Amino acid sequence: MKKILATLGAGILLAGSALAHDISLAWNPSTDVTVAGYKIYYAKVGESLTNVWNVGNTNLTTITNLVSATNVTYRFTCVATNAAGLESVPTMELLSVVPPHSVKNPRFVARSGSSFTLTWKPSDEADAKTYKITYGTVNPWTENVVTVPVPTTTITITNGLVAGAEHYFDFTVINNPGVESWPKFQLREKLLPAGPPDLHVGVIVN
C-alpha cells in the first residue's frame, strides 16, 4: 500500500457488535485534510487480507456476514484514502473472534437480606445458547459465575454474597459455537439486611 496520506491517529479497535455475525470497528481519524474515506482490509487468520470494506469519511463502521465461532479469528486493518484512491499506511492489525450480541436492559427486580433477583431483555442473537452472569464484590475481578439457558431471562442469586458489601454484576451471552459476547451493562448494588415490615396504625380499645 502506498504511503501517501498521513498515518491514522491510532490503531483500530472494537466498538461493539451490532447484530449476529457482525462486528463494529472504530479508529482515530487521519489528520490529513485530503482524506475522503477509509477502507477496512480483513480476513480470517491464516488467509491474505483480500476482503475490502469501503467506508465513507467516518471513523466507525460495521462489517457484516462474518463467522462467529471459537476456532475462527479475523484480522482487521484500516487505511485512509484520498479522492484519487491513494492509501495511507495501514493501522496495526486487530485480531478478534466475532462475538454475539449481549443482553439488553438488565436490572434488579427484587432484593432481600440474602439475595438479588435480576432480569433482562433477551439477546437478539439468533443462535444464543446461554446467558452468563459474573458477579462479586471486587470490580473488575468478579469471580462468581452462574449460567442459565436461553430463553430464561430472570435469576435469583443467593451464593457468594456478602452482607453489607457492594456487588457488581456483568452479563454476557454465549452462542452455539461457544463464542462469548463482551460484558455489557454492569449493575451495582449493596446487599443490605431486610427492613422491618410496613408500619401500620392501629387503635387499641381498652
C-alpha atoms as a PDB file:
ATOM      1  CA  MET A   1       0.000   0.000   0.000  1.00  0.00           C
ATOM      2  CA  LYS A   2       1.310   3.433  -0.889  1.00  0.00           C
ATOM      3  CA  LYS A   3       2.339   5.850   1.830  1.00  0.00           C
ATOM      4  CA  ILE A   4       0.566   8.948   0.537  1.00  0.00           C
ATOM      5  CA  LEU A   5      -1.660  10.125   3.380  1.00  0.00           C
ATOM      6  CA  ALA A   6      -0.883  10.858   6.986  1.00  0.00           C
ATOM      7  CA  THR A   7      -0.828   7.822   9.242  1.00  0.00           C
ATOM      8  CA  LEU A   8      -4.060   7.211  11.123  1.00  0.00           C
ATOM      9  CA  GLY A   9      -4.206   8.698  14.593  1.00  0.00           C
ATOM     10  CA  ALA A  10      -4.404   5.377  16.420  1.00  0.00           C
ATOM     11  CA  GLY A  11      -4.927   1.688  15.877  1.00  0.00           C
ATOM     12  CA  ILE A  12      -8.259   0.176  15.014  1.00  0.00           C
ATOM     13  CA  LEU A  13     -10.382  -1.027  17.929  1.00  0.00           C
ATOM     14  CA  LEU A  14     -13.544  -2.963  18.626  1.00  0.00           C
ATOM     15  CA  ALA A  15     -16.604  -0.796  19.133  1.00  0.00           C
ATOM     16  CA  GLY A  16     -19.254  -3.434  19.735  1.00  0.00           C
ATOM     17  CA  SER A  17     -21.294  -6.000  17.882  1.00  0.00           C
ATOM     18  CA  ALA A  18     -24.352  -4.680  16.087  1.00  0.00           C
ATOM     19  CA  LEU A  19     -26.061  -7.931  15.069  1.00  0.00           C
ATOM     20  CA  ALA A  20     -25.278 -11.625  14.905  1.00  0.00           C
ATOM     21  CA  HIS A  21     -22.147 -12.260  12.813  1.00  0.00           C
ATOM     22  CA  ASP A  22     -21.381  -8.549  12.516  1.00  0.00           C
ATOM     23  CA  ILE A  23     -18.568  -6.617  14.165  1.00  0.00           C
ATOM     24  CA  SER A  24     -18.202  -2.872  14.691  1.00  0.00           C
ATOM     25  CA  LEU A  25     -14.818  -1.174  14.465  1.00  0.00           C
ATOM     26  CA  ALA A  26     -13.623   2.347  15.290  1.00  0.00           C
ATOM     27  CA  TRP A  27     -10.387   4.283  14.835  1.00  0.00           C
ATOM     28  CA  ASN A  28      -8.997   7.763  15.354  1.00  0.00           C
ATOM     29  CA  PRO A  29      -9.277   9.645  12.049  1.00  0.00           C
ATOM     30  CA  SER A  30      -6.308  10.737   9.976  1.00  0.00           C
ATOM     31  CA  THR A  31      -5.113  14.325  10.362  1.00  0.00           C
ATOM     32  CA  ASP A  32      -4.641  14.660   6.586  1.00  0.00           C
ATOM     33  CA  VAL A  33      -7.156  17.184   5.193  1.00  0.00           C
ATOM     34  CA  THR A  34      -7.298  15.358   1.839  1.00  0.00           C
ATOM     35  CA  VAL A  35      -8.792  12.201   3.343  1.00  0.00           C
ATOM     36  CA  ALA A  36     -12.010  11.243   1.535  1.00  0.00           C
ATOM     37  CA  GLY A  37     -12.769   7.969   3.277  1.00  0.00           C
ATOM     38  CA  TYR A  38     -11.414   4.755   4.766  1.00  0.00           C
ATOM     39  CA  LYS A  39     -11.111   1.091   3.905  1.00  0.00           C
ATOM     40  CA  ILE A  40     -11.017  -1.945   6.164  1.00  0.00           C
ATOM     41  CA  TYR A  41      -8.967  -4.892   4.943  1.00  0.00           C
ATOM     42  CA  TYR A  42      -9.893  -8.134   6.672  1.00  0.00           C
ATOM     43  CA  ALA A  43      -9.576 -11.912   6.505  1.00  0.00           C
ATOM     44  CA  LYS A  44      -9.545 -14.973   8.697  1.00  0.00           C
ATOM     45  CA  VAL A  45      -6.231 -15.642  10.412  1.00  0.00           C
ATOM     46  CA  GLY A  46      -4.084 -17.671   8.061  1.00  0.00           C
ATOM     47  CA  GLU A  47      -5.556 -16.024   4.962  1.00  0.00           C
ATOM     48  CA  SER A  48      -4.473 -12.970   2.971  1.00  0.00           C
ATOM     49  CA  LEU A  49      -6.119  -9.595   3.602  1.00  0.00           C
ATOM     50  CA  THR A  50      -8.091  -9.678   0.361  1.00  0.00           C
ATOM     51  CA  ASN A  51     -11.520  -8.650   1.682  1.00  0.00           C
ATOM     52  CA  VAL A  52     -12.142  -4.905   1.441  1.00  0.00           C
ATOM     53  CA  TRP A  53     -14.855  -2.965   3.289  1.00  0.00           C
ATOM     54  CA  ASN A  54     -15.233   0.571   1.934  1.00  0.00           C
ATOM     55  CA  VAL A  55     -16.149   3.250   4.471  1.00  0.00           C
ATOM     56  CA  GLY A  56     -17.123   6.861   3.935  1.00  0.00           C
ATOM     57  CA  ASN A  57     -15.461   9.739   5.739  1.00  0.00           C
ATOM     58  CA  THR A  58     -16.314   8.434   9.207  1.00  0.00           C
ATOM     59  CA  ASN A  59     -14.289   6.594  11.842  1.00  0.00           C
ATOM     60  CA  LEU A  60     -16.876   3.925  12.685  1.00  0.00           C
ATOM     61  CA  THR A  61     -18.203   1.030  10.629  1.00  0.00           C
ATOM     62  CA  THR A  62     -19.926  -2.356  10.998  1.00  0.00           C
ATOM     63  CA  ILE A  63     -18.771  -5.294   8.881  1.00  0.00           C
ATOM     64  CA  THR A  64     -21.447  -7.904   8.218  1.00  0.00           C
ATOM     65  CA  ASN A  65     -21.710 -11.573   7.239  1.00  0.00           C
ATOM     66  CA  LEU A  66     -18.790 -12.822   9.319  1.00  0.00           C
ATOM     67  CA  VAL A  67     -18.480 -16.200  11.052  1.00  0.00           C
ATOM     68  CA  SER A  68     -18.891 -16.421  14.833  1.00  0.00           C
ATOM     69  CA  ALA A  69     -17.030 -19.491  16.126  1.00  0.00           C
ATOM     70  CA  THR A  70     -14.343 -20.229  18.714  1.00  0.00           C
ATOM     71  CA  ASN A  71     -11.956 -21.522  16.039  1.00  0.00           C
ATOM     72  CA  VAL A  72     -12.391 -18.567  13.674  1.00  0.00           C
ATOM     73  CA  THR A  73     -10.385 -15.400  14.332  1.00  0.00           C
ATOM     74  CA  TYR A  74     -10.336 -12.431  11.979  1.00  0.00           C
ATOM     75  CA  ARG A  75      -7.586  -9.940  11.120  1.00  0.00           C
ATOM     76  CA  PHE A  76      -8.592  -6.315  10.553  1.00  0.00           C
ATOM     77  CA  THR A  77      -6.608  -3.273   9.460  1.00  0.00           C
ATOM     78  CA  CYS A  78      -7.664   0.208   8.318  1.00  0.00           C
ATOM     79  CA  VAL A  79      -6.308   2.680   5.771  1.00  0.00           C
ATOM     80  CA  ALA A  80      -7.291   6.228   4.865  1.00  0.00           C
ATOM     81  CA  THR A  81      -7.924   7.090   1.200  1.00  0.00           C
ATOM     82  CA  ASN A  82      -7.982  10.353  -0.735  1.00  0.00           C
ATOM     83  CA  ALA A  83     -10.117  11.355  -3.716  1.00  0.00           C
ATOM     84  CA  ALA A  84      -7.629   9.735  -6.106  1.00  0.00           C
ATOM     85  CA  GLY A  85      -7.885   6.425  -4.249  1.00  0.00           C
ATOM     86  CA  LEU A  86      -4.372   6.547  -2.818  1.00  0.00           C
ATOM     87  CA  GLU A  87      -3.979   4.899   0.579  1.00  0.00           C
ATOM     88  CA  SER A  88      -2.184   5.619   3.841  1.00  0.00           C
ATOM     89  CA  VAL A  89      -0.042   3.191   5.748  1.00  0.00           C
ATOM     90  CA  PRO A  90      -2.400   0.703   7.427  1.00  0.00           C
ATOM     91  CA  THR A  91      -3.053   0.602  11.131  1.00  0.00           C
ATOM     92  CA  MET A  92      -1.666  -2.247  13.193  1.00  0.00           C
ATOM     93  CA  GLU A  93      -3.751  -5.380  12.774  1.00  0.00           C
ATOM     94  CA  LEU A  94      -6.526  -6.154  15.210  1.00  0.00           C
ATOM     95  CA  LEU A  95      -7.341  -9.806  15.902  1.00  0.00           C
ATOM     96  CA  SER A  96     -10.773 -10.838  17.150  1.00  0.00           C
ATOM     97  CA  VAL A  97     -13.416 -13.526  17.081  1.00  0.00           C
ATOM     98  CA  VAL A  98     -16.895 -12.281  16.204  1.00  0.00           C
ATOM     99  CA  PRO A  99     -18.869 -12.053  19.466  1.00  0.00           C
ATOM    100  CA  PRO A 100     -22.623 -12.495  19.784  1.00  0.00           C
ATOM    101  CA  HIS A 101     -24.886  -9.624  20.761  1.00  0.00           C
ATOM    102  CA  SER A 102     -25.254  -9.127  24.512  1.00  0.00           C
ATOM    103  CA  VAL A 103     -28.413  -8.910  26.613  1.00  0.00           C
ATOM    104  CA  LYS A 104     -30.438  -5.708  26.896  1.00  0.00           C
ATOM    105  CA  ASN A 105     -31.624  -3.670  29.855  1.00  0.00           C
ATOM    106  CA  PRO A 106     -30.559  -5.850  32.814  1.00  0.00           C
ATOM    107  CA  ARG A 107     -31.984  -4.622  36.111  1.00  0.00           C
ATOM    108  CA  PHE A 108     -32.782  -5.585  39.695  1.00  0.00           C
ATOM    109  CA  VAL A 109     -36.381  -6.582  40.348  1.00  0.00           C
ATOM    110  CA  ALA A 110     -36.065  -7.756  43.967  1.00  0.00           C
ATOM    111  CA  ARG A 111     -33.625  -7.848  46.864  1.00  0.00           C
ATOM    112  CA  SER A 112     -33.735  -9.482  50.269  1.00  0.00           C
ATOM    113  CA  GLY A 113     -31.183  -9.628  53.058  1.00  0.00           C
ATOM    114  CA  SER A 114     -29.538 -12.615  51.356  1.00  0.00           C
ATOM    115  CA  SER A 115     -30.356 -12.495  47.643  1.00  0.00           C
ATOM    116  CA  PHE A 116     -30.660 -10.447  44.459  1.00  0.00           C
ATOM    117  CA  THR A 117     -33.212 -11.121  41.734  1.00  0.00           C
ATOM    118  CA  LEU A 118     -32.219  -9.855  38.294  1.00  0.00           C
ATOM    119  CA  THR A 119     -33.929  -9.795  34.924  1.00  0.00           C
ATOM    120  CA  TRP A 120     -33.016  -8.676  31.400  1.00  0.00           C
ATOM    121  CA  LYS A 121     -34.336  -8.480  27.861  1.00  0.00           C
ATOM    122  CA  PRO A 122     -33.052 -11.328  25.690  1.00  0.00           C
ATOM    123  CA  SER A 123     -30.241 -11.066  23.172  1.00  0.00           C
ATOM    124  CA  ASP A 124     -31.317 -10.761  19.538  1.00  0.00           C
ATOM    125  CA  GLU A 125     -28.570 -13.233  18.629  1.00  0.00           C
ATOM    126  CA  ALA A 126     -30.233 -15.959  16.551  1.00  0.00           C
ATOM    127  CA  ASP A 127     -28.025 -18.739  17.946  1.00  0.00           C
ATOM    128  CA  ALA A 128     -27.719 -17.540  21.548  1.00  0.00           C
ATOM    129  CA  LYS A 129     -27.460 -20.580  23.814  1.00  0.00           C
ATOM    130  CA  THR A 130     -26.567 -19.415  27.331  1.00  0.00           C
ATOM    131  CA  TYR A 131     -26.738 -16.283  29.455  1.00  0.00           C
ATOM    132  CA  LYS A 132     -23.841 -15.863  31.884  1.00  0.00           C
ATOM    133  CA  ILE A 133     -23.825 -13.612  34.957  1.00  0.00           C
ATOM    134  CA  THR A 134     -20.458 -12.951  36.581  1.00  0.00           C
ATOM    135  CA  TYR A 135     -20.560 -11.222  39.942  1.00  0.00           C
ATOM    136  CA  GLY A 136     -18.622 -10.395  43.088  1.00  0.00           C
ATOM    137  CA  THR A 137     -17.593  -7.655  45.484  1.00  0.00           C
ATOM    138  CA  VAL A 138     -14.340  -6.627  43.763  1.00  0.00           C
ATOM    139  CA  ASN A 139     -14.617  -4.908  40.390  1.00  0.00           C
ATOM    140  CA  PRO A 140     -13.486  -5.931  37.782  1.00  0.00           C
ATOM    141  CA  TRP A 141     -12.430  -9.257  39.316  1.00  0.00           C
ATOM    142  CA  THR A 142     -15.910 -10.669  39.706  1.00  0.00           C
ATOM    143  CA  GLU A 143     -15.242 -14.355  40.357  1.00  0.00           C
ATOM    144  CA  ASN A 144     -18.682 -15.910  40.910  1.00  0.00           C
ATOM    145  CA  VAL A 145     -20.398 -17.293  37.817  1.00  0.00           C
ATOM    146  CA  VAL A 146     -23.924 -18.500  37.193  1.00  0.00           C
ATOM    147  CA  THR A 147     -25.381 -19.514  33.818  1.00  0.00           C
ATOM    148  CA  VAL A 148     -28.913 -20.059  32.590  1.00  0.00           C
ATOM    149  CA  PRO A 149     -30.121 -21.450  29.261  1.00  0.00           C
ATOM    150  CA  VAL A 150     -31.848 -19.272  26.695  1.00  0.00           C
ATOM    151  CA  PRO A 151     -34.703 -18.192  26.799  1.00  0.00           C
ATOM    152  CA  THR A 152     -34.544 -17.721  30.610  1.00  0.00           C
ATOM    153  CA  THR A 153     -34.368 -14.012  31.483  1.00  0.00           C
ATOM    154  CA  THR A 154     -34.692 -13.950  35.289  1.00  0.00           C
ATOM    155  CA  ILE A 155     -32.497 -15.341  38.062  1.00  0.00           C
ATOM    156  CA  THR A 156     -32.273 -15.126  41.846  1.00  0.00           C
ATOM    157  CA  ILE A 157     -28.706 -15.204  43.174  1.00  0.00           C
ATOM    158  CA  THR A 158     -28.001 -16.338  46.732  1.00  0.00           C
ATOM    159  CA  ASN A 159     -24.498 -17.846  46.667  1.00  0.00           C
ATOM    160  CA  GLY A 160     -21.274 -15.917  47.198  1.00  0.00           C
ATOM    161  CA  LEU A 161     -22.942 -12.768  48.535  1.00  0.00           C
ATOM    162  CA  VAL A 162     -21.553 -10.651  51.373  1.00  0.00           C
ATOM    163  CA  ALA A 163     -23.947  -8.776  53.656  1.00  0.00           C
ATOM    164  CA  GLY A 164     -23.417  -5.024  53.618  1.00  0.00           C
ATOM    165  CA  ALA A 165     -20.998  -5.162  50.660  1.00  0.00           C
ATOM    166  CA  GLU A 166     -21.420  -3.617  47.228  1.00  0.00           C
ATOM    167  CA  HIS A 167     -21.769  -6.229  44.490  1.00  0.00           C
ATOM    168  CA  TYR A 168     -21.013  -5.944  40.755  1.00  0.00           C
ATOM    169  CA  PHE A 169     -22.859  -7.927  38.058  1.00  0.00           C
ATOM    170  CA  ASP A 170     -21.737  -8.383  34.438  1.00  0.00           C
ATOM    171  CA  PHE A 171     -23.841 -10.031  31.725  1.00  0.00           C
ATOM    172  CA  THR A 172     -22.628 -11.939  28.668  1.00  0.00           C
ATOM    173  CA  VAL A 173     -24.127 -14.223  26.031  1.00  0.00           C
ATOM    174  CA  ILE A 174     -22.607 -17.472  24.749  1.00  0.00           C
ATOM    175  CA  ASN A 175     -23.739 -18.691  21.327  1.00  0.00           C
ATOM    176  CA  ASN A 176     -23.976 -22.237  19.979  1.00  0.00           C
ATOM    177  CA  PRO A 177     -20.407 -22.194  18.568  1.00  0.00           C
ATOM    178  CA  GLY A 178     -19.164 -21.278  22.073  1.00  0.00           C
ATOM    179  CA  VAL A 179     -18.232 -17.626  21.490  1.00  0.00           C
ATOM    180  CA  GLU A 180     -18.931 -15.251  24.382  1.00  0.00           C
ATOM    181  CA  SER A 181     -20.087 -11.665  23.985  1.00  0.00           C
ATOM    182  CA  TRP A 182     -18.402  -8.697  25.600  1.00  0.00           C
ATOM    183  CA  PRO A 183     -19.575  -7.772  29.104  1.00  0.00           C
ATOM    184  CA  LYS A 184     -22.223  -5.097  28.998  1.00  0.00           C
ATOM    185  CA  PHE A 185     -24.461  -3.076  31.275  1.00  0.00           C
ATOM    186  CA  GLN A 186     -22.745  -3.737  34.601  1.00  0.00           C
ATOM    187  CA  LEU A 187     -25.104  -3.483  37.576  1.00  0.00           C
ATOM    188  CA  ARG A 188     -24.001  -2.446  41.059  1.00  0.00           C
ATOM    189  CA  GLU A 189     -25.887  -2.745  44.315  1.00  0.00           C
ATOM    190  CA  LYS A 190     -25.314  -3.285  48.042  1.00  0.00           C
ATOM    191  CA  LEU A 191     -26.685  -6.300  49.850  1.00  0.00           C
ATOM    192  CA  LEU A 192     -28.476  -4.796  52.818  1.00  0.00           C
ATOM    193  CA  PRO A 193     -30.445  -6.551  55.531  1.00  0.00           C
ATOM    194  CA  ALA A 194     -34.181  -6.698  55.057  1.00  0.00           C
ATOM    195  CA  GLY A 195     -36.045  -3.816  56.647  1.00  0.00           C
ATOM    196  CA  PRO A 196     -38.979  -4.066  59.051  1.00  0.00           C
ATOM    197  CA  PRO A 197     -42.437  -4.810  57.681  1.00  0.00           C
ATOM    198  CA  ASP A 198     -44.698  -1.905  56.801  1.00  0.00           C
ATOM    199  CA  LEU A 199     -45.775   0.277  59.705  1.00  0.00           C
ATOM    200  CA  HIS A 200     -49.486   0.190  60.395  1.00  0.00           C
ATOM    201  CA  VAL A 201     -51.660   2.389  62.569  1.00  0.00           C
ATOM    202  CA  GLY A 202     -53.978   0.551  64.890  1.00  0.00           C
ATOM    203  CA  VAL A 203     -56.411   1.527  67.592  1.00  0.00           C
ATOM    204  CA  ILE A 204     -56.463  -0.418  70.851  1.00  0.00           C
ATOM    205  CA  VAL A 205     -59.720  -0.155  72.749  1.00  0.00           C
ATOM    206  CA  ASN A 206     -59.499  -0.907  76.457  1.00  0.00           C
END
